[in-house]
Amino acid sequence: MNEGKITTLEKAVNILLHDGDSLTVGGIGVREPMAAVYEIIRQRKRDLTLITDSKMDSGCMLIGAGCIRKLESAYCWIGNVGSGINFRRAVEKGIPVKLEVEEYSNYTASLRFLAGAMDIPFMPTTSLLGSDLPNYNPQIKIISDAYEGKPVALVPAAKPDVAIIHVQRADKLGNGQIWGVTTNDINIARAAKKVILTCEELVPTSQIRKNPNMTAIPHYCVDAVVEVPYGSHPFFVTGHYWCDLPFRGDFMKSNDTHENFEKWLEEWVFGVEDFDRYLDKVGRDRLQKLTEMEHDNYRIEG
């Protein structure tokens, strides 16, 4: 049987993501590829540059685990004002790693992925002219436009070495379908040099072709496909399961000190063999309830 690009999460992360690479992970508050984030931490990847628009738990975990050396982003937090404690600790105290920050706005961080997807070196914008960001980020260039002579800001294209995106379903070729919010994932997949696609379920290509308009990530962008049910837990995935808010609350509380965060990692990342064992620890009954909550609200068949 031809397995196409199907592999395991351990192999995909081990083979495609290397120390020193630039990385982006898809989603924001929905479909963040948490199973892959746990695996990156478990494999102790180091000196990564995280390029993103904004990130919540996934970014905070990677920073707190010491995987990230540089962050190119608008912000990184968990969900409450002042809750980006791992991020602040890394910037202000160098714990566990001194974090270099290259700051953009949400909008211009998105423009960077658009430029990368179009394979052009930069994207112009006027939105940054009313902010102080150009004063603190030398990568933002102010020029006079060639037509009217007015000032315009340029932001560099983002072309990460690896992108990891979680979708609802995919086939063995790497065609990935998304419903609900897509965030910047469509452009991220085209901007990145290598793409790992994790999915809730693998389906035949014939099923993908029944709803081609839902194929947000085409196969020619993708290098590896991994089936990971509940792969975004504790976030929600539209049509599959709801957000595990109590779990996220406990995670946020663990960030109060680096020592407590390390204890959380020992219990939920290093203390389990793989993501399946993680789900066992979360509790299959609990996961089923999250599924039922989401199905009560929204479900797509086909």
Protein backbone atom coordinates (compact mmCIF):
# COMPACT_ATOMS: atom_id res chain seq x y z
CA MET A 1 0.00 0.00 0.00
CA ASN A 2 1.30 3.46 -0.93
CA GLU A 3 1.36 5.50 2.29
CA GLY A 4 2.25 8.74 0.51
CA LYS A 5 3.52 11.29 3.04
CA ILE A 6 2.05 9.63 6.12
CA THR A 7 4.48 9.27 9.03
CA THR A 8 4.60 9.48 12.81
CA LEU A 9 4.86 12.69 14.78
CA GLU A 10 8.15 11.61 16.33
CA LYS A 11 9.72 10.97 12.90
CA ALA A 12 8.35 14.14 11.33
CA VAL A 13 9.73 16.40 14.06
CA ASN A 14 13.02 14.50 14.28
CA ILE A 15 13.71 14.52 10.53
CA LEU A 16 12.33 17.86 9.39
CA LEU A 17 12.99 20.21 12.34
CA HIS A 18 16.60 20.84 13.36
CA ASP A 19 18.27 22.90 16.07
CA GLY A 20 18.72 26.47 14.86
CA ASP A 21 15.80 26.36 12.42
CA SER A 22 13.10 28.99 12.07
CA LEU A 23 9.66 27.63 12.91
CA THR A 24 6.05 28.71 12.72
CA VAL A 25 3.02 26.91 14.11
CA GLY A 26 -0.45 27.49 12.74
CA GLY A 27 -3.69 28.57 14.38
CA ILE A 28 -4.25 30.97 17.23
CA GLY A 29 -6.53 29.98 20.06
CA VAL A 30 -7.92 27.33 17.71
CA ARG A 31 -6.14 24.49 15.92
CA GLU A 32 -2.78 25.28 17.49
CA PRO A 33 -0.76 22.07 16.82
CA MET A 34 -0.24 21.18 20.46
CA ALA A 35 0.69 17.52 19.90
CA ALA A 36 3.59 18.67 17.73
CA VAL A 37 4.58 21.31 20.28
CA TYR A 38 4.78 18.65 23.00
CA GLU A 39 6.93 16.51 20.68
CA ILE A 40 9.31 19.41 19.95
CA ILE A 41 9.76 19.92 23.68
CA ARG A 42 10.11 16.18 24.30
CA GLN A 43 12.89 16.00 21.69
CA ARG A 44 14.56 19.03 23.33
CA LYS A 45 14.96 21.05 20.15
CA ARG A 46 17.03 24.17 20.77
CA ASP A 47 17.95 27.61 19.35
CA LEU A 48 14.77 27.89 17.29
CA THR A 49 13.40 31.15 15.93
CA LEU A 50 9.62 31.28 16.30
CA ILE A 51 8.05 33.40 13.56
CA THR A 52 4.36 34.07 14.13
CA ASP A 53 1.64 36.68 14.18
CA SER A 54 0.59 35.89 17.73
CA LYS A 55 0.71 32.75 19.82
CA MET A 56 -0.98 31.55 22.96
CA ASP A 57 -0.20 28.36 24.91
CA SER A 58 1.96 26.83 22.18
CA GLY A 59 4.37 29.76 22.11
CA CYS A 60 4.45 30.08 25.91
CA MET A 61 5.27 26.38 26.26
CA LEU A 62 8.07 26.43 23.68
CA ILE A 63 9.61 29.54 25.26
CA GLY A 64 9.31 28.19 28.81
CA ALA A 65 10.86 24.88 27.75
CA GLY A 66 13.94 26.66 26.41
CA CYS A 67 13.36 25.75 22.76
CA ILE A 68 13.14 29.32 21.45
CA ARG A 69 16.09 31.70 21.11
CA LYS A 70 14.34 34.42 19.08
CA LEU A 71 10.70 35.45 18.72
CA GLU A 72 9.42 37.41 15.70
CA SER A 73 5.86 38.24 16.66
CA ALA A 74 3.22 40.75 17.75
CA TYR A 75 2.66 39.13 21.15
CA CYS A 76 2.76 35.87 23.07
CA TRP A 77 0.36 35.18 25.93
CA ILE A 78 -2.06 32.56 27.27
CA GLY A 79 -5.39 34.31 27.31
CA ASN A 80 -5.59 36.75 30.21
CA VAL A 81 -3.98 40.15 30.47
CA GLY A 82 -0.52 39.75 32.00
CA SER A 83 -0.48 35.98 31.56
CA GLY A 84 2.49 35.71 29.18
CA ILE A 85 4.71 34.91 32.15
CA ASN A 86 7.10 32.50 30.41
CA PHE A 87 7.63 35.09 27.68
CA ARG A 88 8.29 37.90 30.15
CA ARG A 89 10.62 35.75 32.24
CA ALA A 90 12.70 34.88 29.17
CA VAL A 91 12.93 38.52 28.02
CA GLU A 92 13.46 40.17 31.40
CA LYS A 93 15.52 37.54 33.26
CA GLY A 94 16.87 35.21 30.58
CA ILE A 95 15.08 32.23 32.18
CA PRO A 96 15.45 29.59 30.84
CA VAL A 97 17.03 31.23 27.75
CA LYS A 98 17.58 34.90 26.98
CA LEU A 99 14.96 35.67 24.36
CA GLU A 100 15.63 38.04 21.47
CA VAL A 101 12.47 39.78 20.25
CA GLU A 102 11.73 41.22 16.81
CA GLU A 103 8.37 42.94 17.18
CA TYR A 104 5.68 43.58 14.60
CA SER A 105 1.98 44.37 14.74
CA ASN A 106 -0.50 41.56 14.17
CA TYR A 107 -1.35 42.95 10.76
CA THR A 108 2.23 43.37 9.57
CA ALA A 109 3.25 39.96 10.92
CA SER A 110 0.52 38.60 8.65
CA LEU A 111 1.83 40.67 5.74
CA ARG A 112 5.20 38.98 6.19
CA PHE A 113 3.65 35.55 5.56
CA LEU A 114 1.79 36.94 2.54
CA ALA A 115 5.09 38.17 1.11
CA GLY A 116 6.67 34.79 1.78
CA ALA A 117 3.79 33.01 0.08
CA MET A 118 4.17 35.29 -2.96
CA ASP A 119 7.96 34.75 -2.94
CA ILE A 120 8.68 38.46 -2.85
CA PRO A 121 11.22 40.04 -0.46
CA PHE A 122 8.95 42.44 1.42
CA MET A 123 5.46 43.89 1.74
CA PRO A 124 4.63 47.62 1.95
CA THR A 125 2.27 49.11 4.52
CA THR A 126 1.36 52.52 5.91
CA SER A 127 -0.06 51.22 9.19
CA LEU A 128 3.31 51.22 10.97
CA LEU A 129 3.87 54.91 10.29
CA GLY A 130 1.66 55.79 13.24
CA SER A 131 3.55 53.60 15.71
CA ASP A 132 6.93 53.44 17.44
CA LEU A 133 7.69 49.95 16.10
CA PRO A 134 10.04 51.21 13.35
CA ASN A 135 12.12 52.90 16.07
CA TYR A 136 12.72 49.57 17.82
CA ASN A 137 12.80 47.11 14.94
CA PRO A 138 15.55 47.84 12.37
CA GLN A 139 14.04 45.26 10.02
CA ILE A 140 11.19 47.70 9.32
CA LYS A 141 12.36 50.09 6.60
CA ILE A 142 10.79 53.46 5.82
CA ILE A 143 11.12 54.63 2.21
CA SER A 144 9.46 57.09 -0.16
CA ASP A 145 7.14 55.34 -2.57
CA ALA A 146 8.08 55.48 -6.25
CA TYR A 147 4.79 57.01 -7.41
CA GLU A 148 3.69 59.73 -5.01
CA GLY A 149 6.82 60.19 -2.91
CA LYS A 150 4.94 59.54 0.32
CA PRO A 151 6.49 57.51 3.18
CA VAL A 152 5.75 53.79 3.29
CA ALA A 153 7.00 51.09 5.63
CA LEU A 154 8.40 47.79 4.39
CA VAL A 155 8.35 44.55 6.37
CA PRO A 156 10.54 41.59 5.33
CA ALA A 157 9.04 38.38 4.00
CA ALA A 158 8.74 35.49 6.43
CA LYS A 159 9.96 32.19 4.98
CA PRO A 160 10.32 29.82 7.94
CA ASP A 161 12.31 26.63 7.60
CA VAL A 162 9.42 24.59 9.01
CA ALA A 163 5.70 25.19 9.47
CA ILE A 164 3.46 22.91 11.51
CA ILE A 165 -0.27 23.23 10.85
CA HIS A 166 -3.16 21.26 12.36
CA VAL A 167 -6.25 20.70 10.21
CA GLN A 168 -9.53 18.84 10.49
CA ARG A 169 -8.75 16.27 7.83
CA ALA A 170 -6.17 15.40 5.21
CA ASP A 171 -5.32 12.67 2.73
CA LYS A 172 -2.07 10.75 2.33
CA LEU A 173 -0.89 13.18 -0.35
CA GLY A 174 -1.02 16.14 2.02
CA ASN A 175 -4.20 17.91 0.95
CA GLY A 176 -5.47 19.53 4.14
CA GLN A 177 -9.01 20.77 4.72
CA ILE A 178 -9.97 23.43 7.25
CA TRP A 179 -13.35 24.74 8.32
CA GLY A 180 -13.87 27.59 10.69
CA VAL A 181 -11.22 30.27 11.11
CA THR A 182 -8.11 29.74 8.95
CA THR A 183 -5.88 32.39 10.61
CA ASN A 184 -2.72 32.80 8.45
CA ASP A 185 -2.33 29.09 7.74
CA ILE A 186 -3.04 29.35 4.01
CA ASN A 187 -0.13 31.75 3.51
CA ILE A 188 2.08 30.02 6.07
CA ALA A 189 1.90 26.74 4.16
CA ARG A 190 3.06 28.47 0.98
CA ALA A 191 5.74 30.57 2.66
CA ALA A 192 7.50 27.78 4.59
CA LYS A 193 10.27 25.64 3.13
CA LYS A 194 8.90 22.48 4.78
CA VAL A 195 5.43 21.76 6.14
CA ILE A 196 4.30 19.17 8.68
CA LEU A 197 0.54 18.70 8.51
CA THR A 198 -1.18 17.12 11.50
CA CYS A 199 -4.85 16.23 11.20
CA GLU A 200 -7.77 14.98 13.21
CA GLU A 201 -8.46 12.27 10.66
CA LEU A 202 -6.98 10.82 7.50
CA VAL A 203 -9.50 10.34 4.73
CA PRO A 204 -9.33 8.99 1.17
CA THR A 205 -8.44 11.45 -1.58
CA SER A 206 -11.85 10.72 -3.09
CA GLN A 207 -13.47 12.26 0.01
CA ILE A 208 -11.23 15.33 -0.24
CA ARG A 209 -12.39 15.77 -3.83
CA LYS A 210 -16.04 15.83 -2.79
CA ASN A 211 -15.46 19.22 -1.13
CA PRO A 212 -12.45 20.72 -2.95
CA ASN A 213 -13.34 24.24 -1.84
CA MET A 214 -12.40 23.24 1.74
CA THR A 215 -8.84 22.29 0.77
CA ALA A 216 -6.88 25.17 2.27
CA ILE A 217 -3.48 23.44 2.22
CA PRO A 218 -2.60 21.80 -1.13
CA HIS A 219 -0.48 18.67 -1.28
CA TYR A 220 2.42 20.33 -3.10
CA CYS A 221 3.13 22.46 -0.01
CA VAL A 222 3.30 19.51 2.41
CA ASP A 223 6.22 17.25 3.32
CA ALA A 224 4.72 15.05 6.06
CA VAL A 225 1.22 14.08 7.18
CA VAL A 226 0.45 12.80 10.67
CA GLU A 227 -2.95 11.66 11.94
CA VAL A 228 -3.32 12.98 15.49
CA PRO A 229 -6.85 12.89 16.92
CA TYR A 230 -7.30 15.62 19.56
CA GLY A 231 -4.00 17.01 18.26
CA SER A 232 -4.92 20.56 19.30
CA HIS A 233 -5.94 19.77 22.90
CA PRO A 234 -6.51 21.79 25.06
CA PHE A 235 -7.66 24.14 22.26
CA PHE A 236 -10.79 23.52 20.26
CA VAL A 237 -11.08 22.31 16.68
CA THR A 238 -14.20 23.41 14.85
CA GLY A 239 -16.52 20.47 14.23
CA HIS A 240 -14.52 18.07 16.42
CA TYR A 241 -14.16 19.14 20.07
CA TRP A 242 -14.46 22.10 22.42
CA CYS A 243 -11.74 23.91 24.37
CA ASP A 244 -10.61 22.33 27.65
CA LEU A 245 -10.72 25.52 29.71
CA PRO A 246 -9.95 23.91 33.11
CA PHE A 247 -6.81 22.30 31.66
CA ARG A 248 -5.65 25.61 30.22
CA GLY A 249 -6.35 27.29 33.55
CA ASP A 250 -4.14 24.78 35.37
CA PHE A 251 -1.41 25.29 32.79
CA MET A 252 -1.57 29.06 33.25
CA LYS A 253 -1.27 28.69 37.02
CA SER A 254 1.83 26.54 36.56
CA ASN A 255 3.58 29.44 34.86
CA ASP A 256 3.84 31.49 38.07
CA THR A 257 7.43 30.27 38.61
CA HIS A 258 9.85 28.52 36.30
CA GLU A 259 10.17 25.71 38.83
CA ASN A 260 6.42 25.07 38.76
CA PHE A 261 6.41 25.17 34.97
CA GLU A 262 9.18 22.56 34.90
CA LYS A 263 7.05 20.37 37.16
CA TRP A 264 4.18 20.77 34.70
CA LEU A 265 6.46 19.70 31.84
CA GLU A 266 7.64 16.67 33.79
CA GLU A 267 4.04 15.59 34.35
CA TRP A 268 2.48 16.33 30.96
CA VAL A 269 5.34 16.17 28.43
CA PHE A 270 8.36 14.23 29.67
CA GLY A 271 6.28 12.05 31.95
CA VAL A 272 4.35 10.48 29.07
CA GLU A 273 5.80 8.40 26.25
CA ASP A 274 3.87 10.05 23.43
CA PHE A 275 0.70 11.97 22.66
CA ASP A 276 -1.51 8.89 22.94
CA ARG A 277 -0.34 8.42 26.53
CA TYR A 278 -0.96 12.13 27.11
CA LEU A 279 -4.56 11.68 25.98
CA ASP A 280 -4.90 8.67 28.28
CA LYS A 281 -3.71 10.87 31.13
CA VAL A 282 -6.15 13.66 30.21
CA GLY A 283 -8.90 11.05 30.25
CA ARG A 284 -10.83 9.55 27.34
CA ASP A 285 -14.16 10.26 29.02
CA ARG A 286 -13.20 13.89 29.44
CA LEU A 287 -12.20 14.13 25.77
CA GLN A 288 -15.47 12.55 24.72
CA LYS A 289 -17.37 15.21 26.66
CA LEU A 290 -15.43 17.92 24.82
CA THR A 291 -16.38 16.24 21.55
CA GLU A 292 -20.04 16.12 22.52
CA MET A 293 -19.99 19.80 23.51
CA GLU A 294 -18.66 20.78 20.11
CA HIS A 295 -21.01 18.47 18.19
CA ASP A 296 -23.94 20.08 19.92
CA ASN A 297 -22.88 23.35 18.31
CA TYR A 298 -21.37 22.48 14.95
CA ARG A 299 -20.66 19.53 12.71
CA ILE A 300 -19.81 19.09 9.04
CA GLU A 301 -20.30 15.77 7.28
CA GLY A 302 -19.20 14.78 3.80
